[in-house]
Amino acid sequence: MRAVFYTLTMVLLLGALSLTTPPSFAVEILNGKQLDFRTGYRGHTFAYHYKWLSRNGEEQTMSFELKKHMAQTSNREFQKFDLKEEQRYITEVMRLYRPLSHRIKVHVTPRERAYEIRFSGHATQSEIDAERRAVEDYMKKAELKYSTERLYTIDKRWGRLPDYMAIANLYAPRVRPVAEAIEKNTEGMSPRQKINYALEFLQSIPYDTLKNRENSNGSGYATPVELLSRNIADCDSKSVALLSILRNMFPQTPMVMVIVPGHAFVGVATAMQPGDVNIQLDGQNYVLAEPVGPALQPLGEIEGRSLQSLQRKDFTYMTF
């Protein structure tokens, strides 16, 4: 048996992927126009009032109230991913790592967006290889735990993303008053009409990339309540908000969030109409929709570039 010195460099993910779609990305069918947005405290709640123009040119108004503490903390619950903080966390976790063999010592040194892992001691190559796999697995679990606790997930293709489905599930009960307001305004309408009403409401909210810390937390993503409070959002923020709202209105309906390069939209498992753009995933058919705006596209219509990405199979998805 001989002394083996082995160096392994592990590279961290380079931050969270940001999905933004510039307004010019939208097809100019009919752009949404928000006419009024007001908020204010009302006892233990925070009141919201919206007015916008629908696709047929009619004024629509909607009001609801959310719990005050939810509105106040919404911009702090999801934050821009901090790579340095993650690195400190993983470095501390690695101090607890115990090598498989007492003959091997593991040395972890943080580097710029990476770690240098060195093994030393008297061991065979097969023992070193086993130790390397164990260290990689240990670090990946620590990285996943850190991400999950901060509402992020790690996608094989896209890297680190906001954990959209976890956020949608977390916020669905919190935005129930929004869904109730939509149900009230669409009483007697078909499910498709209700979905289109929710779409128009979100499409009319001003678009923003959410990169500027003056009007967002700088993470490139806003949770559903933060979206409502700030009255700005981008494509993935509006998509998750729509899913959270619709989950209250259609609790048993399968839904999906579709991610293409630089953009995101949704699908709803509802009755199809002629001309609907749809996609079948895992045996379930979804009618697609674009919540981003400003184009007031109804259920069944998506942007040209979104369709092109689907045709190239250049997408990933998360079911809800």
C-alpha atoms as a PDB file:
ATOM      1  CA  MET A   1       0.000   0.000   0.000  1.00  0.00           C
ATOM      2  CA  ARG A   2       1.318   3.414  -0.868  1.00  0.00           C
ATOM      3  CA  ALA A   3       0.555   7.036  -0.050  1.00  0.00           C
ATOM      4  CA  VAL A   4      -1.860   8.576  -2.522  1.00  0.00           C
ATOM      5  CA  PHE A   5      -2.382  12.308  -2.895  1.00  0.00           C
ATOM      6  CA  TYR A   6      -5.416  13.185  -4.985  1.00  0.00           C
ATOM      7  CA  THR A   7      -6.871  16.612  -5.761  1.00  0.00           C
ATOM      8  CA  LEU A   8     -10.463  17.140  -6.899  1.00  0.00           C
ATOM      9  CA  THR A   9     -11.958  20.530  -7.784  1.00  0.00           C
ATOM     10  CA  MET A  10     -15.759  20.753  -7.533  1.00  0.00           C
ATOM     11  CA  VAL A  11     -17.478  23.666  -9.250  1.00  0.00           C
ATOM     12  CA  LEU A  12     -20.501  25.393  -7.750  1.00  0.00           C
ATOM     13  CA  LEU A  13     -23.537  26.308  -9.823  1.00  0.00           C
ATOM     14  CA  LEU A  14     -23.167  29.886 -11.015  1.00  0.00           C
ATOM     15  CA  GLY A  15     -26.170  31.375  -9.285  1.00  0.00           C
ATOM     16  CA  ALA A  16     -29.867  31.158 -10.051  1.00  0.00           C
ATOM     17  CA  LEU A  17     -31.223  31.150 -13.584  1.00  0.00           C
ATOM     18  CA  SER A  18     -33.330  34.218 -14.262  1.00  0.00           C
ATOM     19  CA  LEU A  19     -36.221  33.951 -16.674  1.00  0.00           C
ATOM     20  CA  THR A  20     -37.179  37.268 -18.185  1.00  0.00           C
ATOM     21  CA  THR A  21     -39.041  38.134 -21.332  1.00  0.00           C
ATOM     22  CA  PRO A  22     -38.827  41.689 -22.697  1.00  0.00           C
ATOM     23  CA  PRO A  23     -42.161  43.267 -23.580  1.00  0.00           C
ATOM     24  CA  SER A  24     -41.255  43.115 -27.288  1.00  0.00           C
ATOM     25  CA  PHE A  25     -41.309  39.314 -26.955  1.00  0.00           C
ATOM     26  CA  ALA A  26     -45.100  39.433 -26.765  1.00  0.00           C
ATOM     27  CA  VAL A  27     -47.194  39.312 -29.918  1.00  0.00           C
ATOM     28  CA  GLU A  28     -49.028  42.583 -30.395  1.00  0.00           C
ATOM     29  CA  ILE A  29     -52.581  41.278 -30.349  1.00  0.00           C
ATOM     30  CA  LEU A  30     -54.120  43.633 -27.826  1.00  0.00           C
ATOM     31  CA  ASN A  31     -52.024  44.930 -24.987  1.00  0.00           C
ATOM     32  CA  GLY A  32     -53.334  45.011 -21.470  1.00  0.00           C
ATOM     33  CA  LYS A  33     -53.819  48.381 -19.862  1.00  0.00           C
ATOM     34  CA  GLN A  34     -54.008  48.755 -16.118  1.00  0.00           C
ATOM     35  CA  LEU A  35     -56.125  51.788 -15.279  1.00  0.00           C
ATOM     36  CA  ASP A  36     -55.781  51.879 -11.504  1.00  0.00           C
ATOM     37  CA  PHE A  37     -53.868  50.202  -8.694  1.00  0.00           C
ATOM     38  CA  ARG A  38     -54.308  51.132  -5.044  1.00  0.00           C
ATOM     39  CA  THR A  39     -53.354  49.508  -1.757  1.00  0.00           C
ATOM     40  CA  GLY A  40     -53.779  50.397   1.872  1.00  0.00           C
ATOM     41  CA  TYR A  41     -54.056  49.045   5.386  1.00  0.00           C
ATOM     42  CA  ARG A  42     -57.471  48.115   6.700  1.00  0.00           C
ATOM     43  CA  GLY A  43     -57.228  46.919  10.280  1.00  0.00           C
ATOM     44  CA  HIS A  44     -55.352  43.613  10.281  1.00  0.00           C
ATOM     45  CA  THR A  45     -55.502  43.282   6.510  1.00  0.00           C
ATOM     46  CA  PHE A  46     -53.938  44.918   3.478  1.00  0.00           C
ATOM     47  CA  ALA A  47     -56.457  45.952   0.822  1.00  0.00           C
ATOM     48  CA  TYR A  48     -55.813  45.801  -2.932  1.00  0.00           C
ATOM     49  CA  HIS A  49     -57.812  47.451  -5.695  1.00  0.00           C
ATOM     50  CA  TYR A  50     -57.245  46.964  -9.439  1.00  0.00           C
ATOM     51  CA  LYS A  51     -58.861  48.321 -12.584  1.00  0.00           C
ATOM     52  CA  TRP A  52     -57.921  47.296 -16.132  1.00  0.00           C
ATOM     53  CA  LEU A  53     -59.262  47.061 -19.680  1.00  0.00           C
ATOM     54  CA  SER A  54     -60.339  43.611 -20.875  1.00  0.00           C
ATOM     55  CA  ARG A  55     -59.817  42.210 -24.372  1.00  0.00           C
ATOM     56  CA  ASN A  56     -63.212  43.562 -25.441  1.00  0.00           C
ATOM     57  CA  GLY A  57     -62.375  47.044 -24.134  1.00  0.00           C
ATOM     58  CA  GLU A  58     -64.569  46.891 -21.023  1.00  0.00           C
ATOM     59  CA  GLU A  59     -63.331  48.191 -17.670  1.00  0.00           C
ATOM     60  CA  GLN A  60     -62.816  45.480 -15.069  1.00  0.00           C
ATOM     61  CA  THR A  61     -62.401  46.130 -11.351  1.00  0.00           C
ATOM     62  CA  MET A  62     -61.375  43.751  -8.608  1.00  0.00           C
ATOM     63  CA  SER A  63     -60.716  44.214  -4.904  1.00  0.00           C
ATOM     64  CA  PHE A  64     -59.561  41.848  -2.179  1.00  0.00           C
ATOM     65  CA  GLU A  65     -57.735  41.814   1.151  1.00  0.00           C
ATOM     66  CA  LEU A  66     -54.760  39.783   2.355  1.00  0.00           C
ATOM     67  CA  LYS A  67     -53.429  39.345   5.864  1.00  0.00           C
ATOM     68  CA  LYS A  68     -51.236  42.300   6.764  1.00  0.00           C
ATOM     69  CA  HIS A  69     -48.211  40.274   7.847  1.00  0.00           C
ATOM     70  CA  MET A  70     -48.162  38.406   4.517  1.00  0.00           C
ATOM     71  CA  ALA A  71     -48.049  41.654   2.567  1.00  0.00           C
ATOM     72  CA  GLN A  72     -45.354  43.062   4.833  1.00  0.00           C
ATOM     73  CA  THR A  73     -43.022  40.046   4.649  1.00  0.00           C
ATOM     74  CA  SER A  74     -43.636  39.004   1.034  1.00  0.00           C
ATOM     75  CA  ASN A  75     -40.507  40.685  -0.315  1.00  0.00           C
ATOM     76  CA  ARG A  76     -38.269  38.981   2.260  1.00  0.00           C
ATOM     77  CA  GLU A  77     -39.419  35.386   1.963  1.00  0.00           C
ATOM     78  CA  PHE A  78     -37.681  34.758  -1.358  1.00  0.00           C
ATOM     79  CA  GLN A  79     -34.272  36.329  -1.853  1.00  0.00           C
ATOM     80  CA  LYS A  80     -31.586  36.470  -4.507  1.00  0.00           C
ATOM     81  CA  PHE A  81     -29.430  33.384  -4.193  1.00  0.00           C
ATOM     82  CA  ASP A  82     -26.215  34.091  -2.287  1.00  0.00           C
ATOM     83  CA  LEU A  83     -23.377  31.916  -3.575  1.00  0.00           C
ATOM     84  CA  LYS A  84     -20.933  33.055  -0.923  1.00  0.00           C
ATOM     85  CA  GLU A  85     -23.368  32.245   1.852  1.00  0.00           C
ATOM     86  CA  GLU A  86     -24.008  28.831   0.315  1.00  0.00           C
ATOM     87  CA  GLN A  87     -20.267  28.212   0.159  1.00  0.00           C
ATOM     88  CA  ARG A  88     -19.873  29.092   3.838  1.00  0.00           C
ATOM     89  CA  TYR A  89     -22.726  26.732   4.684  1.00  0.00           C
ATOM     90  CA  ILE A  90     -21.292  23.811   2.696  1.00  0.00           C
ATOM     91  CA  THR A  91     -17.816  24.405   4.110  1.00  0.00           C
ATOM     92  CA  GLU A  92     -19.226  24.158   7.639  1.00  0.00           C
ATOM     93  CA  VAL A  93     -21.199  21.032   6.753  1.00  0.00           C
ATOM     94  CA  MET A  94     -18.064  19.410   5.339  1.00  0.00           C
ATOM     95  CA  ARG A  95     -16.370  19.790   8.715  1.00  0.00           C
ATOM     96  CA  LEU A  96     -18.797  17.104   9.922  1.00  0.00           C
ATOM     97  CA  TYR A  97     -17.850  14.685   7.152  1.00  0.00           C
ATOM     98  CA  ARG A  98     -16.205  11.473   8.311  1.00  0.00           C
ATOM     99  CA  PRO A  99     -14.072   9.594   5.711  1.00  0.00           C
ATOM    100  CA  LEU A 100     -15.009   6.025   4.840  1.00  0.00           C
ATOM    101  CA  SER A 101     -11.483   4.911   5.685  1.00  0.00           C
ATOM    102  CA  HIS A 102      -9.471   5.996   8.710  1.00  0.00           C
ATOM    103  CA  ARG A 103      -6.397   5.949   6.468  1.00  0.00           C
ATOM    104  CA  ILE A 104      -7.693   8.849   4.363  1.00  0.00           C
ATOM    105  CA  LYS A 105      -7.871  12.510   5.272  1.00  0.00           C
ATOM    106  CA  VAL A 106     -10.124  14.906   3.381  1.00  0.00           C
ATOM    107  CA  HIS A 107      -9.180  18.583   3.064  1.00  0.00           C
ATOM    108  CA  VAL A 108     -11.792  21.071   1.805  1.00  0.00           C
ATOM    109  CA  THR A 109     -10.664  24.516   0.639  1.00  0.00           C
ATOM    110  CA  PRO A 110     -13.224  27.039  -0.714  1.00  0.00           C
ATOM    111  CA  ARG A 111     -12.214  28.713  -3.968  1.00  0.00           C
ATOM    112  CA  GLU A 112     -13.894  31.283  -6.201  1.00  0.00           C
ATOM    113  CA  ARG A 113     -17.228  29.579  -7.025  1.00  0.00           C
ATOM    114  CA  ALA A 114     -15.632  26.183  -6.438  1.00  0.00           C
ATOM    115  CA  TYR A 115     -14.076  23.899  -3.843  1.00  0.00           C
ATOM    116  CA  GLU A 116     -10.729  22.193  -3.901  1.00  0.00           C
ATOM    117  CA  ILE A 117     -11.037  18.744  -2.352  1.00  0.00           C
ATOM    118  CA  ARG A 118      -7.746  17.015  -1.472  1.00  0.00           C
ATOM    119  CA  PHE A 119      -7.320  13.484  -0.233  1.00  0.00           C
ATOM    120  CA  SER A 120      -4.159  12.322   1.532  1.00  0.00           C
ATOM    121  CA  GLY A 121      -3.039   9.213   3.341  1.00  0.00           C
ATOM    122  CA  HIS A 122      -2.038   5.599   2.721  1.00  0.00           C
ATOM    123  CA  ALA A 123      -4.784   4.110   0.578  1.00  0.00           C
ATOM    124  CA  THR A 124      -5.393   2.240  -2.639  1.00  0.00           C
ATOM    125  CA  GLN A 125      -6.766   3.949  -5.727  1.00  0.00           C
ATOM    126  CA  SER A 126     -10.081   2.116  -5.335  1.00  0.00           C
ATOM    127  CA  GLU A 127     -10.382   3.460  -1.767  1.00  0.00           C
ATOM    128  CA  ILE A 128      -9.653   6.980  -2.998  1.00  0.00           C
ATOM    129  CA  ASP A 129     -12.272   6.618  -5.756  1.00  0.00           C
ATOM    130  CA  ALA A 130     -14.869   5.444  -3.239  1.00  0.00           C
ATOM    131  CA  GLU A 131     -14.004   8.368  -0.961  1.00  0.00           C
ATOM    132  CA  ARG A 132     -14.326  10.814  -3.858  1.00  0.00           C
ATOM    133  CA  ARG A 133     -17.813   9.530  -4.693  1.00  0.00           C
ATOM    134  CA  ALA A 134     -18.834   9.750  -1.039  1.00  0.00           C
ATOM    135  CA  VAL A 135     -17.585  13.340  -0.765  1.00  0.00           C
ATOM    136  CA  GLU A 136     -19.381  14.366  -3.969  1.00  0.00           C
ATOM    137  CA  ASP A 137     -22.622  12.835  -2.712  1.00  0.00           C
ATOM    138  CA  TYR A 138     -22.251  14.486   0.698  1.00  0.00           C
ATOM    139  CA  MET A 139     -21.647  17.906  -0.858  1.00  0.00           C
ATOM    140  CA  LYS A 140     -24.528  17.562  -3.344  1.00  0.00           C
ATOM    141  CA  LYS A 141     -26.925  16.701  -0.509  1.00  0.00           C
ATOM    142  CA  ALA A 142     -25.724  19.740   1.447  1.00  0.00           C
ATOM    143  CA  GLU A 143     -26.149  21.947  -1.614  1.00  0.00           C
ATOM    144  CA  LEU A 144     -29.664  20.603  -2.239  1.00  0.00           C
ATOM    145  CA  LYS A 145     -30.654  21.104   1.418  1.00  0.00           C
ATOM    146  CA  TYR A 146     -29.412  24.696   1.362  1.00  0.00           C
ATOM    147  CA  SER A 147     -31.291  25.398  -1.881  1.00  0.00           C
ATOM    148  CA  THR A 148     -34.530  23.716  -0.799  1.00  0.00           C
ATOM    149  CA  GLU A 149     -34.692  25.632   2.475  1.00  0.00           C
ATOM    150  CA  ARG A 150     -34.481  28.871   0.462  1.00  0.00           C
ATOM    151  CA  LEU A 151     -37.152  27.843  -2.087  1.00  0.00           C
ATOM    152  CA  TYR A 152     -34.700  26.976  -4.856  1.00  0.00           C
ATOM    153  CA  THR A 153     -34.252  23.735  -6.752  1.00  0.00           C
ATOM    154  CA  ILE A 154     -31.488  22.326  -8.966  1.00  0.00           C
ATOM    155  CA  ASP A 155     -32.447  21.317 -12.499  1.00  0.00           C
ATOM    156  CA  LYS A 156     -30.123  19.039 -14.500  1.00  0.00           C
ATOM    157  CA  ARG A 157     -30.354  21.269 -17.556  1.00  0.00           C
ATOM    158  CA  TRP A 158     -31.083  24.764 -16.294  1.00  0.00           C
ATOM    159  CA  GLY A 159     -29.073  24.723 -13.095  1.00  0.00           C
ATOM    160  CA  ARG A 160     -30.455  26.450 -10.029  1.00  0.00           C
ATOM    161  CA  LEU A 161     -34.020  27.754 -10.353  1.00  0.00           C
ATOM    162  CA  PRO A 162     -36.656  29.061  -7.979  1.00  0.00           C
ATOM    163  CA  ASP A 163     -38.597  26.019  -6.794  1.00  0.00           C
ATOM    164  CA  TYR A 164     -41.677  27.098  -8.691  1.00  0.00           C
ATOM    165  CA  MET A 165     -43.955  24.269  -7.633  1.00  0.00           C
ATOM    166  CA  ALA A 166     -42.991  24.529  -3.963  1.00  0.00           C
ATOM    167  CA  ILE A 167     -43.709  28.268  -4.126  1.00  0.00           C
ATOM    168  CA  ALA A 168     -47.011  27.707  -5.939  1.00  0.00           C
ATOM    169  CA  ASN A 169     -48.127  25.202  -3.280  1.00  0.00           C
ATOM    170  CA  LEU A 170     -46.948  27.449  -0.444  1.00  0.00           C
ATOM    171  CA  TYR A 171     -48.768  30.504  -1.767  1.00  0.00           C
ATOM    172  CA  ALA A 172     -51.984  28.905  -3.010  1.00  0.00           C
ATOM    173  CA  PRO A 173     -53.771  29.273   0.359  1.00  0.00           C
ATOM    174  CA  ARG A 174     -52.346  32.771   0.803  1.00  0.00           C
ATOM    175  CA  VAL A 175     -53.861  34.043  -2.461  1.00  0.00           C
ATOM    176  CA  ARG A 176     -57.256  32.429  -1.873  1.00  0.00           C
ATOM    177  CA  PRO A 177     -58.853  35.890  -1.475  1.00  0.00           C
ATOM    178  CA  VAL A 178     -57.692  36.695  -5.029  1.00  0.00           C
ATOM    179  CA  ALA A 179     -59.312  33.530  -6.352  1.00  0.00           C
ATOM    180  CA  GLU A 180     -62.499  34.321  -4.429  1.00  0.00           C
ATOM    181  CA  ALA A 181     -62.605  37.808  -5.946  1.00  0.00           C
ATOM    182  CA  ILE A 182     -62.227  36.320  -9.431  1.00  0.00           C
ATOM    183  CA  GLU A 183     -64.952  33.748  -8.712  1.00  0.00           C
ATOM    184  CA  LYS A 184     -67.254  36.548  -7.585  1.00  0.00           C
ATOM    185  CA  ASN A 185     -66.617  38.596 -10.723  1.00  0.00           C
ATOM    186  CA  THR A 186     -67.051  35.588 -13.013  1.00  0.00           C
ATOM    187  CA  GLU A 187     -70.088  33.977 -11.398  1.00  0.00           C
ATOM    188  CA  GLY A 188     -72.020  31.943 -13.942  1.00  0.00           C
ATOM    189  CA  MET A 189     -69.152  31.867 -16.434  1.00  0.00           C
ATOM    190  CA  SER A 190     -67.517  28.740 -17.862  1.00  0.00           C
ATOM    191  CA  PRO A 191     -64.184  27.438 -16.535  1.00  0.00           C
ATOM    192  CA  ARG A 192     -62.438  28.787 -19.649  1.00  0.00           C
ATOM    193  CA  GLN A 193     -63.922  32.247 -19.138  1.00  0.00           C
ATOM    194  CA  LYS A 194     -62.793  32.201 -15.507  1.00  0.00           C
ATOM    195  CA  ILE A 195     -59.262  31.244 -16.526  1.00  0.00           C
ATOM    196  CA  ASN A 196     -59.226  34.005 -19.157  1.00  0.00           C
ATOM    197  CA  TYR A 197     -60.335  36.531 -16.550  1.00  0.00           C
ATOM    198  CA  ALA A 198     -57.459  35.513 -14.286  1.00  0.00           C
ATOM    199  CA  LEU A 199     -55.102  35.703 -17.272  1.00  0.00           C
ATOM    200  CA  GLU A 200     -56.204  39.231 -18.204  1.00  0.00           C
ATOM    201  CA  PHE A 201     -55.797  40.362 -14.611  1.00  0.00           C
ATOM    202  CA  LEU A 202     -52.163  39.199 -14.520  1.00  0.00           C
ATOM    203  CA  GLN A 203     -51.361  40.224 -18.105  1.00  0.00           C
ATOM    204  CA  SER A 204     -52.424  43.783 -17.240  1.00  0.00           C
ATOM    205  CA  ILE A 205     -49.980  44.034 -14.344  1.00  0.00           C
ATOM    206  CA  PRO A 206     -46.898  45.954 -15.597  1.00  0.00           C
ATOM    207  CA  TYR A 207     -43.954  43.895 -16.794  1.00  0.00           C
ATOM    208  CA  ASP A 208     -40.574  44.216 -15.074  1.00  0.00           C
ATOM    209  CA  THR A 209     -37.407  42.105 -15.092  1.00  0.00           C
ATOM    210  CA  LEU A 210     -37.194  42.395 -11.268  1.00  0.00           C
ATOM    211  CA  LYS A 211     -33.453  43.034 -11.385  1.00  0.00           C
ATOM    212  CA  ASN A 212     -33.542  46.549  -9.919  1.00  0.00           C
ATOM    213  CA  ARG A 213     -33.447  46.599  -6.121  1.00  0.00           C
ATOM    214  CA  GLU A 214     -35.320  49.902  -6.123  1.00  0.00           C
ATOM    215  CA  ASN A 215     -38.541  48.174  -7.139  1.00  0.00           C
ATOM    216  CA  SER A 216     -37.861  44.525  -6.206  1.00  0.00           C
ATOM    217  CA  ASN A 217     -35.550  42.383  -4.072  1.00  0.00           C
ATOM    218  CA  GLY A 218     -33.208  41.976  -7.041  1.00  0.00           C
ATOM    219  CA  SER A 219     -33.660  38.204  -7.292  1.00  0.00           C
ATOM    220  CA  GLY A 220     -35.282  38.258 -10.732  1.00  0.00           C
ATOM    221  CA  TYR A 221     -38.375  36.590  -9.291  1.00  0.00           C
ATOM    222  CA  ALA A 222     -41.355  37.692  -7.193  1.00  0.00           C
ATOM    223  CA  THR A 223     -43.606  35.438  -5.129  1.00  0.00           C
ATOM    224  CA  PRO A 224     -47.359  35.756  -5.799  1.00  0.00           C
ATOM    225  CA  VAL A 225     -47.948  38.089  -2.844  1.00  0.00           C
ATOM    226  CA  GLU A 226     -44.897  40.215  -3.639  1.00  0.00           C
ATOM    227  CA  LEU A 227     -46.145  40.469  -7.230  1.00  0.00           C
ATOM    228  CA  LEU A 228     -49.501  41.771  -6.002  1.00  0.00           C
ATOM    229  CA  SER A 229     -47.943  44.209  -3.541  1.00  0.00           C
ATOM    230  CA  ARG A 230     -45.374  45.682  -5.933  1.00  0.00           C
ATOM    231  CA  ASN A 231     -47.681  45.529  -8.964  1.00  0.00           C
ATOM    232  CA  ILE A 232     -44.833  44.427 -11.256  1.00  0.00           C
ATOM    233  CA  ALA A 233     -43.697  40.998 -12.433  1.00  0.00           C
ATOM    234  CA  ASP A 234     -41.968  38.973 -15.118  1.00  0.00           C
ATOM    235  CA  CYS A 235     -42.936  35.765 -16.912  1.00  0.00           C
ATOM    236  CA  ASP A 236     -42.109  33.127 -14.300  1.00  0.00           C
ATOM    237  CA  SER A 237     -43.503  35.260 -11.460  1.00  0.00           C
ATOM    238  CA  LYS A 238     -46.840  35.678 -13.259  1.00  0.00           C
ATOM    239  CA  SER A 239     -46.923  32.000 -14.228  1.00  0.00           C
ATOM    240  CA  VAL A 240     -46.551  30.832 -10.619  1.00  0.00           C
ATOM    241  CA  ALA A 241     -49.110  33.416  -9.451  1.00  0.00           C
ATOM    242  CA  LEU A 242     -51.610  32.095 -11.995  1.00  0.00           C
ATOM    243  CA  LEU A 243     -51.042  28.503 -10.880  1.00  0.00           C
ATOM    244  CA  SER A 244     -51.496  29.475  -7.212  1.00  0.00           C
ATOM    245  CA  ILE A 245     -54.729  31.338  -7.969  1.00  0.00           C
ATOM    246  CA  LEU A 246     -56.170  28.618 -10.221  1.00  0.00           C
ATOM    247  CA  ARG A 247     -55.378  25.900  -7.683  1.00  0.00           C
ATOM    248  CA  ASN A 248     -58.018  27.482  -5.422  1.00  0.00           C
ATOM    249  CA  MET A 249     -60.551  27.656  -8.240  1.00  0.00           C
ATOM    250  CA  PHE A 250     -59.853  24.224  -9.724  1.00  0.00           C
ATOM    251  CA  PRO A 251     -58.367  22.107  -6.925  1.00  0.00           C
ATOM    252  CA  GLN A 252     -58.398  18.823  -8.902  1.00  0.00           C
ATOM    253  CA  THR A 253     -57.228  20.152 -12.276  1.00  0.00           C
ATOM    254  CA  PRO A 254     -53.704  19.151 -13.368  1.00  0.00           C
ATOM    255  CA  MET A 255     -51.543  22.102 -14.392  1.00  0.00           C
ATOM    256  CA  VAL A 256     -47.998  22.556 -15.617  1.00  0.00           C
ATOM    257  CA  MET A 257     -45.351  25.261 -15.851  1.00  0.00           C
ATOM    258  CA  VAL A 258     -43.311  25.159 -19.050  1.00  0.00           C
ATOM    259  CA  ILE A 259     -39.815  26.676 -19.178  1.00  0.00           C
ATOM    260  CA  VAL A 260     -38.144  27.531 -22.480  1.00  0.00           C
ATOM    261  CA  PRO A 261     -34.934  29.532 -22.983  1.00  0.00           C
ATOM    262  CA  GLY A 262     -35.519  32.926 -21.356  1.00  0.00           C
ATOM    263  CA  HIS A 263     -39.239  32.478 -20.791  1.00  0.00           C
ATOM    264  CA  ALA A 264     -41.971  30.587 -18.918  1.00  0.00           C
ATOM    265  CA  PHE A 265     -45.697  29.957 -19.367  1.00  0.00           C
ATOM    266  CA  VAL A 266     -48.353  27.521 -18.157  1.00  0.00           C
ATOM    267  CA  GLY A 267     -50.697  24.771 -19.225  1.00  0.00           C
ATOM    268  CA  VAL A 268     -54.102  23.785 -17.822  1.00  0.00           C
ATOM    269  CA  ALA A 269     -55.785  20.413 -18.286  1.00  0.00           C
ATOM    270  CA  THR A 270     -59.139  21.751 -19.435  1.00  0.00           C
ATOM    271  CA  ALA A 271     -61.507  21.116 -22.335  1.00  0.00           C
ATOM    272  CA  MET A 272     -59.972  22.002 -25.684  1.00  0.00           C
ATOM    273  CA  GLN A 273     -61.442  24.220 -28.365  1.00  0.00           C
ATOM    274  CA  PRO A 274     -60.551  24.292 -32.092  1.00  0.00           C
ATOM    275  CA  GLY A 275     -57.295  26.151 -32.612  1.00  0.00           C
ATOM    276  CA  ASP A 276     -56.004  25.733 -29.059  1.00  0.00           C
ATOM    277  CA  VAL A 277     -52.256  25.338 -28.705  1.00  0.00           C
ATOM    278  CA  ASN A 278     -51.744  22.350 -26.460  1.00  0.00           C
ATOM    279  CA  ILE A 279     -49.100  19.892 -25.363  1.00  0.00           C
ATOM    280  CA  GLN A 280     -49.227  16.339 -24.054  1.00  0.00           C
ATOM    281  CA  LEU A 281     -46.870  15.547 -21.191  1.00  0.00           C
ATOM    282  CA  ASP A 282     -46.755  12.235 -19.343  1.00  0.00           C
ATOM    283  CA  GLY A 283     -50.072  11.223 -20.894  1.00  0.00           C
ATOM    284  CA  GLN A 284     -51.881  14.419 -19.830  1.00  0.00           C
ATOM    285  CA  ASN A 285     -53.031  17.047 -22.323  1.00  0.00           C
ATOM    286  CA  TYR A 286     -52.634  20.724 -21.370  1.00  0.00           C
ATOM    287  CA  VAL A 287     -54.042  23.820 -23.066  1.00  0.00           C
ATOM    288  CA  LEU A 288     -51.295  26.455 -22.969  1.00  0.00           C
ATOM    289  CA  ALA A 289     -51.476  30.077 -21.813  1.00  0.00           C
ATOM    290  CA  GLU A 290     -49.191  33.128 -21.553  1.00  0.00           C
ATOM    291  CA  PRO A 291     -49.694  35.077 -18.294  1.00  0.00           C
ATOM    292  CA  VAL A 292     -46.758  37.466 -18.913  1.00  0.00           C
ATOM    293  CA  GLY A 293     -48.545  40.136 -20.955  1.00  0.00           C
ATOM    294  CA  PRO A 294     -48.798  42.817 -22.030  1.00  0.00           C
ATOM    295  CA  ALA A 295     -50.565  41.008 -24.891  1.00  0.00           C
ATOM    296  CA  LEU A 296     -54.024  39.891 -23.724  1.00  0.00           C
ATOM    297  CA  GLN A 297     -53.734  36.378 -25.130  1.00  0.00           C
ATOM    298  CA  PRO A 298     -56.541  34.053 -24.065  1.00  0.00           C
ATOM    299  CA  LEU A 299     -56.175  30.435 -23.032  1.00  0.00           C
ATOM    300  CA  GLY A 300     -55.004  28.406 -26.018  1.00  0.00           C
ATOM    301  CA  GLU A 301     -52.733  31.078 -27.513  1.00  0.00           C
ATOM    302  CA  ILE A 302     -48.984  31.427 -26.927  1.00  0.00           C
ATOM    303  CA  GLU A 303     -46.206  33.570 -28.348  1.00  0.00           C
ATOM    304  CA  GLY A 304     -44.440  32.551 -31.535  1.00  0.00           C
ATOM    305  CA  ARG A 305     -41.066  31.978 -29.888  1.00  0.00           C
ATOM    306  CA  SER A 306     -42.687  29.857 -27.185  1.00  0.00           C
ATOM    307  CA  LEU A 307     -44.232  27.665 -29.879  1.00  0.00           C
ATOM    308  CA  GLN A 308     -40.918  27.412 -31.723  1.00  0.00           C
ATOM    309  CA  SER A 309     -39.180  26.230 -28.543  1.00  0.00           C
ATOM    310  CA  LEU A 310     -41.837  23.547 -28.077  1.00  0.00           C
ATOM    311  CA  GLN A 311     -41.474  22.402 -31.665  1.00  0.00           C
ATOM    312  CA  ARG A 312     -37.694  22.100 -31.168  1.00  0.00           C
ATOM    313  CA  LYS A 313     -38.359  20.252 -27.886  1.00  0.00           C
ATOM    314  CA  ASP A 314     -36.214  22.913 -26.251  1.00  0.00           C
ATOM    315  CA  PHE A 315     -38.053  23.059 -22.930  1.00  0.00           C
ATOM    316  CA  THR A 316     -38.495  21.561 -19.518  1.00  0.00           C
ATOM    317  CA  TYR A 317     -41.603  21.453 -17.335  1.00  0.00           C
ATOM    318  CA  MET A 318     -42.885  21.090 -13.797  1.00  0.00           C
ATOM    319  CA  THR A 319     -46.306  19.620 -13.079  1.00  0.00           C
ATOM    320  CA  PHE A 320     -48.597  21.097 -10.463  1.00  0.00           C
END
